[in-house]
Amino acid sequence: MEHRKCYHAHVVTRDDVVIVIEGPVKPEVLQTMDMHIGLNAFRRPREQHEALVEIAALPEGRIIVARDGQTIVGYVTFHYPDELERWSEGQMEDLVELGAVEVAREYRSFGLGKKMIQTAFEDEQMENYIVFTTEYYWHWDLEGSKLSVWDYRKMMEKLMESVDMIWYATDDPEICSHPANCLMVRIGKDVPLSSKEQFDRVRFKQRFMY
């Protein structure tokens, strides 16, 4: 499958702060940028920066960033699911994971998460993919946001719904381990029926559930 990547960019301005939202960003361009010290939800900023460069170099990999000057203050990742997770078991070329969304705390009032995701889906190539994201409450910044687990879940659902990702049922044990966890999916308009059926088989291993 050919993974074409069409670059898009936008500018968000507020209180004399100018944020550029752009992507997919090439790995060599990412290497010239710095990582905001507050981007540490998944790993240390330096290690996360290295991971972004590696993902951007993958054929299917896409990195959308929000940057203040040359400092990355937010990012969204797209890549094939980890080979150790059930989502890779279907060996689907057109199943891509929206893996991580992170914005540095002092920039969260800018609406950057929503804008980055919307920028990613401006590319027509995304209509060829089933894009999914797994939302686990233990990844959420409940302390920093001062939100309850349910309010945070609503916030994440609203964020994903801005690009027409909707809740899908699954019997995946990790998602089923807590009622706040969820699977959200967007099926592109050019995805064939065979891929939709294969994805159903991946979502449910207990056949009687669908």
Protein backbone atom coordinates (compact mmCIF):
# COMPACT_ATOMS: atom_id res chain seq x y z
CA MET A 1 0.00 0.00 0.00
CA GLU A 2 1.32 3.43 -0.93
CA HIS A 3 1.36 5.88 1.99
CA ARG A 4 1.20 9.32 0.42
CA LYS A 5 1.65 12.24 2.81
CA CYS A 6 0.34 15.71 2.01
CA TYR A 7 1.71 18.52 4.20
CA HIS A 8 -0.67 21.06 5.76
CA ALA A 9 0.01 23.99 8.10
CA HIS A 10 -1.98 26.50 10.15
CA VAL A 11 -1.17 29.37 12.50
CA VAL A 12 -2.84 29.97 15.86
CA THR A 13 -2.25 33.35 17.52
CA ARG A 14 -3.18 34.38 21.02
CA ASP A 15 -1.80 37.07 23.35
CA ASP A 16 1.18 37.67 21.04
CA VAL A 17 2.04 33.96 21.06
CA VAL A 18 2.22 32.46 17.56
CA ILE A 19 1.85 28.70 17.27
CA VAL A 20 2.45 26.87 14.00
CA ILE A 21 0.55 23.61 13.53
CA GLU A 22 1.97 21.50 10.73
CA GLY A 23 2.47 18.04 9.38
CA PRO A 24 3.14 15.38 8.52
CA VAL A 25 6.63 16.63 9.48
CA LYS A 26 9.63 14.89 7.93
CA PRO A 27 12.13 13.24 10.31
CA GLU A 28 15.00 15.49 9.24
CA VAL A 29 12.88 18.56 10.03
CA LEU A 30 11.84 17.15 13.42
CA GLN A 31 15.51 16.70 14.30
CA THR A 32 16.05 20.46 14.03
CA MET A 33 13.34 21.16 16.61
CA ASP A 34 13.49 21.12 20.41
CA MET A 35 11.04 19.37 22.72
CA HIS A 36 9.19 21.33 25.42
CA ILE A 37 10.22 20.11 28.86
CA GLY A 38 6.57 19.60 29.82
CA LEU A 39 5.99 16.91 27.19
CA ASN A 40 6.68 13.98 29.51
CA ALA A 41 3.39 12.06 29.71
CA PHE A 42 4.74 8.96 27.99
CA ARG A 43 8.53 9.23 28.38
CA ARG A 44 11.17 11.85 29.04
CA PRO A 45 11.12 14.72 26.51
CA ARG A 46 14.44 13.79 24.88
CA GLU A 47 13.35 10.17 24.47
CA GLN A 48 9.94 11.25 23.16
CA HIS A 49 11.65 13.50 20.63
CA GLU A 50 13.69 10.54 19.38
CA ALA A 51 10.52 8.46 19.15
CA LEU A 52 8.80 11.14 17.04
CA VAL A 53 11.72 11.17 14.61
CA GLU A 54 11.59 7.37 14.34
CA ILE A 55 7.82 7.35 13.73
CA ALA A 56 8.09 10.08 11.10
CA ALA A 57 10.58 7.90 9.19
CA LEU A 58 8.16 4.96 8.98
CA PRO A 59 6.37 4.54 5.62
CA GLU A 60 2.97 4.91 7.30
CA GLY A 61 4.15 7.15 10.14
CA ARG A 62 2.77 10.65 10.53
CA ILE A 63 3.72 13.30 13.08
CA ILE A 64 1.69 16.48 13.42
CA VAL A 65 3.26 19.11 15.69
CA ALA A 66 2.36 22.40 17.30
CA ARG A 67 5.46 24.53 17.74
CA ASP A 68 6.29 27.83 19.39
CA GLY A 69 9.26 28.96 17.32
CA GLN A 70 11.41 25.84 17.05
CA THR A 71 10.07 24.27 20.25
CA ILE A 72 7.51 21.48 19.94
CA VAL A 73 4.71 22.19 22.43
CA GLY A 74 2.30 19.51 21.20
CA TYR A 75 2.20 16.52 18.90
CA VAL A 76 -0.01 13.78 17.50
CA THR A 77 1.33 10.45 16.25
CA PHE A 78 -0.05 8.03 13.65
CA HIS A 79 1.52 4.62 12.99
CA TYR A 80 0.76 0.93 12.63
CA PRO A 81 -0.31 -0.73 15.90
CA ASP A 82 2.35 -2.33 18.05
CA GLU A 83 3.01 -5.91 16.98
CA LEU A 84 2.43 -7.07 20.57
CA GLU A 85 -1.14 -5.70 20.62
CA ARG A 86 -4.23 -7.40 19.26
CA TRP A 87 -4.78 -4.61 16.72
CA SER A 88 -1.81 -5.84 14.68
CA GLU A 89 -3.08 -9.42 14.48
CA GLY A 90 -5.16 -8.76 11.37
CA GLN A 91 -1.97 -7.65 9.54
CA MET A 92 -3.98 -4.88 7.92
CA GLU A 93 -2.13 -2.37 5.76
CA ASP A 94 -4.99 0.10 6.08
CA LEU A 95 -5.39 0.00 9.88
CA VAL A 96 -3.51 2.89 11.52
CA GLU A 97 -3.39 3.91 15.16
CA LEU A 98 -3.70 7.45 16.41
CA GLY A 99 -1.17 6.65 19.07
CA ALA A 100 -0.61 9.71 21.22
CA VAL A 101 -1.88 13.25 21.68
CA GLU A 102 0.09 15.46 24.05
CA VAL A 103 0.17 19.21 24.66
CA ALA A 104 2.41 21.00 27.17
CA ARG A 105 0.31 22.14 30.11
CA GLU A 106 0.71 25.92 29.65
CA TYR A 107 -0.46 25.64 26.03
CA ARG A 108 -3.62 23.61 26.64
CA SER A 109 -5.97 26.60 26.47
CA PHE A 110 -5.06 27.15 22.79
CA GLY A 111 -7.14 24.22 21.49
CA LEU A 112 -4.02 22.68 19.95
CA GLY A 113 -5.04 19.04 20.35
CA LYS A 114 -8.16 19.52 18.27
CA LYS A 115 -6.37 21.62 15.67
CA MET A 116 -3.53 19.08 15.26
CA ILE A 117 -5.93 16.18 14.76
CA GLN A 118 -8.02 18.16 12.29
CA THR A 119 -4.86 19.08 10.37
CA ALA A 120 -3.96 15.39 10.10
CA PHE A 121 -7.32 14.52 8.57
CA GLU A 122 -7.14 17.28 5.96
CA ASP A 123 -5.05 14.82 3.95
CA GLU A 124 -7.28 12.87 1.54
CA GLN A 125 -5.02 9.84 2.02
CA MET A 126 -6.67 9.35 5.42
CA GLU A 127 -9.85 8.25 3.64
CA ASN A 128 -7.99 5.04 2.74
CA TYR A 129 -7.46 4.09 6.41
CA ILE A 130 -9.34 2.78 9.37
CA VAL A 131 -7.91 5.01 12.10
CA PHE A 132 -8.40 3.94 15.70
CA THR A 133 -7.33 5.16 19.10
CA THR A 134 -7.41 3.35 22.44
CA GLU A 135 -8.21 5.65 25.34
CA TYR A 136 -6.91 4.42 28.71
CA TYR A 137 -7.66 6.48 31.80
CA TRP A 138 -4.20 5.81 33.27
CA HIS A 139 -2.67 7.92 30.47
CA TRP A 140 -4.84 10.93 31.28
CA ASP A 141 -3.58 13.96 33.21
CA LEU A 142 -6.35 13.89 35.79
CA GLU A 143 -4.28 15.77 38.36
CA GLY A 144 -3.19 18.56 36.03
CA SER A 145 -6.59 18.99 34.40
CA LYS A 146 -8.54 18.82 37.69
CA LEU A 147 -11.15 16.76 35.85
CA SER A 148 -12.87 13.61 37.04
CA VAL A 149 -12.19 10.46 35.06
CA TRP A 150 -15.64 10.74 33.46
CA ASP A 151 -15.26 14.40 32.52
CA TYR A 152 -11.85 13.63 31.02
CA ARG A 153 -13.41 10.79 29.05
CA LYS A 154 -16.06 13.19 27.70
CA MET A 155 -13.33 15.66 26.75
CA MET A 156 -11.39 12.97 24.84
CA GLU A 157 -14.56 11.77 23.09
CA LYS A 158 -15.38 15.32 22.02
CA LEU A 159 -11.81 15.77 20.74
CA MET A 160 -11.98 12.61 18.62
CA GLU A 161 -15.50 13.35 17.42
CA SER A 162 -14.15 16.57 15.88
CA VAL A 163 -12.72 14.35 13.11
CA ASP A 164 -15.68 11.93 13.05
CA MET A 165 -14.09 9.25 15.23
CA ILE A 166 -16.82 7.44 17.13
CA TRP A 167 -17.06 4.90 19.96
CA TYR A 168 -16.79 1.26 18.91
CA ALA A 169 -17.43 -1.81 21.06
CA THR A 170 -14.70 -4.40 21.60
CA ASP A 171 -13.89 -7.31 23.90
CA ASP A 172 -10.24 -6.25 24.24
CA PRO A 173 -9.28 -7.04 27.87
CA GLU A 174 -7.34 -3.81 28.47
CA ILE A 175 -10.18 -1.61 27.27
CA CYS A 176 -12.72 -3.69 29.18
CA SER A 177 -10.65 -3.47 32.38
CA HIS A 178 -12.18 -0.09 33.28
CA PRO A 179 -15.48 1.46 32.12
CA ALA A 180 -13.81 4.80 31.34
CA ASN A 181 -11.51 3.20 28.76
CA CYS A 182 -12.77 3.17 25.20
CA LEU A 183 -12.02 2.44 21.56
CA MET A 184 -12.72 5.20 19.04
CA VAL A 185 -12.59 4.66 15.30
CA ARG A 186 -12.89 6.52 12.02
CA ILE A 187 -13.42 4.45 8.87
CA GLY A 188 -12.36 6.36 5.77
CA LYS A 189 -14.84 6.54 2.89
CA ASP A 190 -12.46 4.65 0.57
CA VAL A 191 -11.89 1.67 2.91
CA PRO A 192 -13.08 -1.58 1.28
CA LEU A 193 -15.72 -3.80 2.89
CA SER A 194 -13.14 -6.60 3.32
CA SER A 195 -11.10 -4.37 5.64
CA LYS A 196 -14.15 -3.38 7.66
CA GLU A 197 -14.97 -7.06 8.17
CA GLN A 198 -11.39 -7.89 9.10
CA PHE A 199 -11.41 -5.08 11.66
CA ASP A 200 -14.59 -6.53 13.19
CA ARG A 201 -12.78 -9.84 13.61
CA VAL A 202 -9.91 -8.04 15.36
CA ARG A 203 -12.27 -6.07 17.64
CA PHE A 204 -14.03 -9.21 18.83
CA LYS A 205 -12.35 -12.51 19.54
CA GLN A 206 -15.51 -13.86 21.16
CA ARG A 207 -17.51 -14.28 17.97
CA PHE A 208 -20.89 -14.33 19.66
CA MET A 209 -20.49 -10.62 20.50
CA TYR A 210 -21.00 -9.38 16.95
